Amino acid sequence: MSDGESKAASTGGNRAPEEIREEIEETREELGDTVAAMTEKTDVKKQAQGKVDDVKAKAQELSDKAKAASPDTPAEGIQQAQSLAKQNPALAIAGVLVGLMVLWRLLRR
């Protein structure tokens, strides 16, 4: 068996020209997909814009959560603080201490 015959045997032997054309067309499509994927991965501007969009979406989500968690009026805020202090007195004491420290620092200026 010669080199040419062994290559033909390993690639499918006696293939019809139509089979070869189909294989070439499939290879071209795969190559086109690969090139398109590589082009997208190397598009730095597009990658950066995608990151910016992600950060904006996360910031908006956090903003929405903060708005939902915050009281609508100062009276509601005081009521929430009182309720929290009743549930966890140690947290209330820590809050008062921090407030006093901030006030002390402001008055020393």
N, C-alpha and C. Protein backbone atom coordinates (compact mmCIF):
# COMPACT_ATOMS: atom_id res chain seq x y z
N MET A 1 0.84 -1.17 0.00
CA MET A 1 0.00 0.00 0.00
C MET A 1 0.90 1.24 0.00
N SER A 2 0.69 2.20 -0.88
CA SER A 2 1.51 3.41 -0.97
C SER A 2 0.96 4.47 -0.02
N ASP A 3 1.72 5.56 0.09
CA ASP A 3 1.31 6.66 0.97
C ASP A 3 -0.03 7.25 0.55
N GLY A 4 -0.22 7.44 -0.73
CA GLY A 4 -1.47 7.99 -1.25
C GLY A 4 -2.65 7.10 -0.94
N GLU A 5 -2.44 5.76 -1.04
CA GLU A 5 -3.52 4.82 -0.77
C GLU A 5 -3.84 4.80 0.72
N SER A 6 -2.83 4.91 1.58
CA SER A 6 -3.09 4.89 3.02
C SER A 6 -3.84 6.15 3.45
N LYS A 7 -3.53 7.30 2.86
CA LYS A 7 -4.26 8.53 3.18
C LYS A 7 -5.70 8.41 2.72
N ALA A 8 -5.92 7.88 1.54
CA ALA A 8 -7.28 7.71 1.04
C ALA A 8 -8.06 6.75 1.91
N ALA A 9 -7.43 5.69 2.39
CA ALA A 9 -8.10 4.72 3.24
C ALA A 9 -8.44 5.33 4.59
N SER A 10 -7.54 6.17 5.15
CA SER A 10 -7.79 6.75 6.46
C SER A 10 -8.82 7.86 6.41
N THR A 11 -9.04 8.49 5.25
CA THR A 11 -10.03 9.57 5.15
C THR A 11 -11.34 9.10 4.57
N GLY A 12 -11.52 7.82 4.45
CA GLY A 12 -12.82 7.34 3.99
C GLY A 12 -12.76 6.61 2.67
N GLY A 13 -11.58 6.47 2.13
CA GLY A 13 -11.44 5.68 0.91
C GLY A 13 -12.02 6.37 -0.30
N ASN A 14 -12.85 5.66 -1.02
CA ASN A 14 -13.42 6.14 -2.28
C ASN A 14 -14.68 6.97 -2.01
N ARG A 15 -14.49 8.23 -1.76
CA ARG A 15 -15.63 9.10 -1.51
C ARG A 15 -16.06 9.76 -2.80
N ALA A 16 -17.33 9.98 -2.88
CA ALA A 16 -17.88 10.64 -4.07
C ALA A 16 -17.55 12.13 -4.00
N PRO A 17 -17.44 12.80 -5.12
CA PRO A 17 -17.15 14.23 -5.13
C PRO A 17 -18.17 15.05 -4.33
N GLU A 18 -19.41 14.61 -4.35
CA GLU A 18 -20.45 15.34 -3.60
C GLU A 18 -20.18 15.27 -2.09
N GLU A 19 -19.71 14.13 -1.59
CA GLU A 19 -19.36 13.98 -0.17
C GLU A 19 -18.21 14.92 0.19
N ILE A 20 -17.24 15.02 -0.70
CA ILE A 20 -16.09 15.89 -0.46
C ILE A 20 -16.55 17.35 -0.43
N ARG A 21 -17.45 17.73 -1.36
CA ARG A 21 -17.96 19.10 -1.40
C ARG A 21 -18.73 19.43 -0.10
N GLU A 22 -19.53 18.49 0.37
CA GLU A 22 -20.29 18.69 1.61
C GLU A 22 -19.34 18.88 2.79
N GLU A 23 -18.29 18.07 2.82
CA GLU A 23 -17.32 18.19 3.91
C GLU A 23 -16.61 19.53 3.85
N ILE A 24 -16.27 19.98 2.66
CA ILE A 24 -15.62 21.28 2.49
C ILE A 24 -16.56 22.39 2.96
N GLU A 25 -17.84 22.31 2.59
CA GLU A 25 -18.82 23.32 2.99
C GLU A 25 -18.99 23.35 4.51
N GLU A 26 -19.04 22.19 5.15
CA GLU A 26 -19.16 22.12 6.61
C GLU A 26 -17.92 22.74 7.27
N THR A 27 -16.76 22.45 6.71
CA THR A 27 -15.52 23.01 7.25
C THR A 27 -15.51 24.53 7.12
N ARG A 28 -15.99 25.03 5.99
CA ARG A 28 -16.06 26.49 5.79
C ARG A 28 -17.00 27.13 6.81
N GLU A 29 -18.15 26.50 7.06
CA GLU A 29 -19.10 27.05 8.04
C GLU A 29 -18.48 27.06 9.44
N GLU A 30 -17.81 25.97 9.80
CA GLU A 30 -17.17 25.90 11.11
C GLU A 30 -16.09 26.96 11.24
N LEU A 31 -15.32 27.14 10.18
CA LEU A 31 -14.26 28.15 10.19
C LEU A 31 -14.86 29.55 10.32
N GLY A 32 -15.96 29.79 9.61
CA GLY A 32 -16.63 31.09 9.70
C GLY A 32 -17.13 31.35 11.12
N ASP A 33 -17.71 30.34 11.76
CA ASP A 33 -18.18 30.48 13.14
C ASP A 33 -17.02 30.76 14.08
N THR A 34 -15.91 30.06 13.86
CA THR A 34 -14.73 30.25 14.71
C THR A 34 -14.18 31.66 14.57
N VAL A 35 -14.10 32.14 13.35
CA VAL A 35 -13.60 33.50 13.11
C VAL A 35 -14.53 34.53 13.75
N ALA A 36 -15.84 34.32 13.63
CA ALA A 36 -16.80 35.26 14.23
C ALA A 36 -16.66 35.27 15.75
N ALA A 37 -16.49 34.11 16.35
CA ALA A 37 -16.33 34.03 17.81
C ALA A 37 -15.04 34.72 18.26
N MET A 38 -13.97 34.51 17.51
CA MET A 38 -12.70 35.14 17.87
C MET A 38 -12.78 36.66 17.70
N THR A 39 -13.46 37.11 16.68
CA THR A 39 -13.63 38.54 16.45
C THR A 39 -14.39 39.18 17.60
N GLU A 40 -15.44 38.52 18.05
CA GLU A 40 -16.22 39.06 19.16
C GLU A 40 -15.41 39.10 20.45
N LYS A 41 -14.61 38.07 20.70
CA LYS A 41 -13.80 38.04 21.91
C LYS A 41 -12.71 39.10 21.92
N THR A 42 -12.24 39.48 20.76
CA THR A 42 -11.15 40.46 20.69
C THR A 42 -11.65 41.88 20.51
N ASP A 43 -12.97 42.08 20.47
CA ASP A 43 -13.55 43.42 20.35
C ASP A 43 -13.56 44.08 21.73
N VAL A 44 -12.50 44.80 22.05
CA VAL A 44 -12.31 45.38 23.38
C VAL A 44 -13.41 46.40 23.68
N LYS A 45 -13.75 47.21 22.71
CA LYS A 45 -14.77 48.24 22.92
C LYS A 45 -16.11 47.59 23.30
N LYS A 46 -16.46 46.54 22.61
CA LYS A 46 -17.72 45.85 22.88
C LYS A 46 -17.68 45.17 24.25
N GLN A 47 -16.53 44.59 24.60
CA GLN A 47 -16.37 43.95 25.90
C GLN A 47 -16.52 44.99 27.01
N ALA A 48 -15.89 46.15 26.84
CA ALA A 48 -15.97 47.22 27.85
C ALA A 48 -17.40 47.72 27.99
N GLN A 49 -18.09 47.89 26.88
CA GLN A 49 -19.47 48.36 26.93
C GLN A 49 -20.35 47.35 27.64
N GLY A 50 -20.09 46.07 27.43
CA GLY A 50 -20.84 45.03 28.12
C GLY A 50 -20.63 45.10 29.62
N LYS A 51 -19.39 45.35 30.05
CA LYS A 51 -19.10 45.48 31.48
C LYS A 51 -19.81 46.71 32.06
N VAL A 52 -19.78 47.82 31.32
CA VAL A 52 -20.46 49.05 31.77
C VAL A 52 -21.95 48.78 31.94
N ASP A 53 -22.53 48.10 30.99
CA ASP A 53 -23.96 47.79 31.07
C ASP A 53 -24.26 46.90 32.27
N ASP A 54 -23.38 45.93 32.55
CA ASP A 54 -23.57 45.07 33.72
C ASP A 54 -23.51 45.86 35.01
N VAL A 55 -22.53 46.76 35.11
CA VAL A 55 -22.38 47.56 36.32
C VAL A 55 -23.59 48.48 36.50
N LYS A 56 -24.06 49.08 35.42
CA LYS A 56 -25.23 49.95 35.50
C LYS A 56 -26.45 49.17 35.98
N ALA A 57 -26.63 47.97 35.45
CA ALA A 57 -27.77 47.15 35.85
C ALA A 57 -27.70 46.78 37.33
N LYS A 58 -26.51 46.42 37.80
CA LYS A 58 -26.34 46.08 39.22
C LYS A 58 -26.58 47.30 40.11
N ALA A 59 -26.08 48.46 39.68
CA ALA A 59 -26.29 49.68 40.46
C ALA A 59 -27.77 50.02 40.54
N GLN A 60 -28.47 49.87 39.45
CA GLN A 60 -29.91 50.16 39.44
C GLN A 60 -30.65 49.19 40.36
N GLU A 61 -30.23 47.92 40.33
CA GLU A 61 -30.85 46.91 41.19
C GLU A 61 -30.62 47.25 42.67
N LEU A 62 -29.40 47.65 43.03
CA LEU A 62 -29.11 48.03 44.41
C LEU A 62 -29.88 49.28 44.81
N SER A 63 -30.00 50.22 43.90
CA SER A 63 -30.75 51.44 44.17
C SER A 63 -32.22 51.11 44.43
N ASP A 64 -32.78 50.24 43.63
CA ASP A 64 -34.18 49.83 43.81
C ASP A 64 -34.38 49.14 45.16
N LYS A 65 -33.42 48.28 45.53
CA LYS A 65 -33.51 47.59 46.82
C LYS A 65 -33.43 48.58 47.97
N ALA A 66 -32.53 49.56 47.85
CA ALA A 66 -32.38 50.56 48.91
C ALA A 66 -33.64 51.39 49.06
N LYS A 67 -34.24 51.77 47.94
CA LYS A 67 -35.48 52.54 47.98
C LYS A 67 -36.61 51.74 48.62
N ALA A 68 -36.66 50.46 48.30
CA ALA A 68 -37.70 49.61 48.86
C ALA A 68 -37.51 49.42 50.37
N ALA A 69 -36.27 49.39 50.82
CA ALA A 69 -35.99 49.15 52.23
C ALA A 69 -36.07 50.42 53.07
N SER A 70 -35.93 51.57 52.46
CA SER A 70 -35.92 52.82 53.23
C SER A 70 -37.35 53.27 53.52
N PRO A 71 -37.52 53.94 54.65
CA PRO A 71 -38.86 54.42 55.01
C PRO A 71 -39.27 55.59 54.11
N ASP A 72 -40.58 55.76 53.97
CA ASP A 72 -41.09 56.83 53.12
C ASP A 72 -41.03 58.20 53.82
N THR A 73 -41.18 58.19 55.14
CA THR A 73 -41.17 59.45 55.89
C THR A 73 -40.21 59.32 57.08
N PRO A 74 -39.79 60.46 57.63
CA PRO A 74 -38.93 60.39 58.83
C PRO A 74 -39.62 59.68 60.00
N ALA A 75 -40.93 59.88 60.12
CA ALA A 75 -41.67 59.23 61.21
C ALA A 75 -41.59 57.71 61.08
N GLU A 76 -41.71 57.22 59.86
CA GLU A 76 -41.58 55.77 59.64
C GLU A 76 -40.16 55.30 59.98
N GLY A 77 -39.17 56.11 59.66
CA GLY A 77 -37.78 55.78 59.98
C GLY A 77 -37.56 55.67 61.48
N ILE A 78 -38.14 56.62 62.22
CA ILE A 78 -38.02 56.58 63.68
C ILE A 78 -38.73 55.35 64.23
N GLN A 79 -39.89 55.07 63.69
CA GLN A 79 -40.65 53.90 64.14
C GLN A 79 -39.87 52.61 63.87
N GLN A 80 -39.23 52.52 62.70
CA GLN A 80 -38.42 51.34 62.38
C GLN A 80 -37.23 51.24 63.33
N ALA A 81 -36.60 52.37 63.64
CA ALA A 81 -35.45 52.36 64.54
C ALA A 81 -35.87 51.92 65.95
N GLN A 82 -37.01 52.41 66.39
CA GLN A 82 -37.50 52.01 67.71
C GLN A 82 -37.81 50.52 67.76
N SER A 83 -38.43 50.04 66.71
CA SER A 83 -38.76 48.61 66.65
C SER A 83 -37.49 47.77 66.64
N LEU A 84 -36.49 48.20 65.88
CA LEU A 84 -35.22 47.47 65.83
C LEU A 84 -34.51 47.50 67.17
N ALA A 85 -34.58 48.65 67.86
CA ALA A 85 -33.95 48.77 69.19
C ALA A 85 -34.61 47.84 70.20
N LYS A 86 -35.93 47.69 70.11
CA LYS A 86 -36.63 46.79 71.01
C LYS A 86 -36.25 45.34 70.75
N GLN A 87 -36.05 45.02 69.46
CA GLN A 87 -35.70 43.64 69.10
C GLN A 87 -34.26 43.31 69.46
N ASN A 88 -33.37 44.30 69.37
CA ASN A 88 -31.95 44.05 69.61
C ASN A 88 -31.35 45.21 70.39
N PRO A 89 -31.44 45.17 71.72
CA PRO A 89 -30.95 46.29 72.54
C PRO A 89 -29.44 46.55 72.38
N ALA A 90 -28.64 45.53 72.16
CA ALA A 90 -27.20 45.72 72.00
C ALA A 90 -26.91 46.57 70.77
N LEU A 91 -27.65 46.34 69.71
CA LEU A 91 -27.48 47.12 68.48
C LEU A 91 -27.86 48.57 68.74
N ALA A 92 -28.91 48.78 69.52
CA ALA A 92 -29.34 50.15 69.83
C ALA A 92 -28.26 50.87 70.63
N ILE A 93 -27.68 50.20 71.61
CA ILE A 93 -26.62 50.82 72.42
C ILE A 93 -25.41 51.16 71.55
N ALA A 94 -25.05 50.25 70.65
CA ALA A 94 -23.92 50.51 69.75
C ALA A 94 -24.22 51.71 68.86
N GLY A 95 -25.45 51.81 68.39
CA GLY A 95 -25.83 52.95 67.55
C GLY A 95 -25.74 54.26 68.30
N VAL A 96 -26.19 54.27 69.54
CA VAL A 96 -26.11 55.48 70.36
C VAL A 96 -24.65 55.86 70.59
N LEU A 97 -23.81 54.88 70.90
CA LEU A 97 -22.39 55.16 71.12
C LEU A 97 -21.73 55.74 69.87
N VAL A 98 -22.02 55.18 68.73
CA VAL A 98 -21.45 55.70 67.48
C VAL A 98 -21.95 57.13 67.25
N GLY A 99 -23.21 57.37 67.48
CA GLY A 99 -23.77 58.71 67.32
C GLY A 99 -23.10 59.71 68.24
N LEU A 100 -22.87 59.32 69.48
CA LEU A 100 -22.19 60.21 70.43
C LEU A 100 -20.75 60.49 70.01
N MET A 101 -20.07 59.46 69.50
CA MET A 101 -18.70 59.66 69.04
C MET A 101 -18.64 60.64 67.87
N VAL A 102 -19.57 60.51 66.95
CA VAL A 102 -19.60 61.42 65.80
C VAL A 102 -19.90 62.84 66.29
N LEU A 103 -20.86 62.98 67.17
CA LEU A 103 -21.20 64.30 67.70
C LEU A 103 -20.00 64.92 68.42
N TRP A 104 -19.30 64.15 69.25
CA TRP A 104 -18.13 64.61 69.98
C TRP A 104 -17.05 65.12 69.03
N ARG A 105 -16.80 64.32 67.93
CA ARG A 105 -15.79 64.72 66.94
C ARG A 105 -16.17 66.01 66.24
N LEU A 106 -17.47 66.16 65.94
CA LEU A 106 -17.92 67.40 65.27
C LEU A 106 -17.77 68.60 66.17
N LEU A 107 -18.05 68.44 67.45
CA LEU A 107 -17.97 69.56 68.39
C LEU A 107 -16.54 69.96 68.69
N ARG A 108 -15.59 69.06 68.55
CA ARG A 108 -14.18 69.35 68.84
C ARG A 108 -13.54 70.22 67.76
N ARG A 109 -14.12 70.33 66.64
CA ARG A 109 -13.53 71.09 65.51
C ARG A 109 -13.57 72.55 65.73
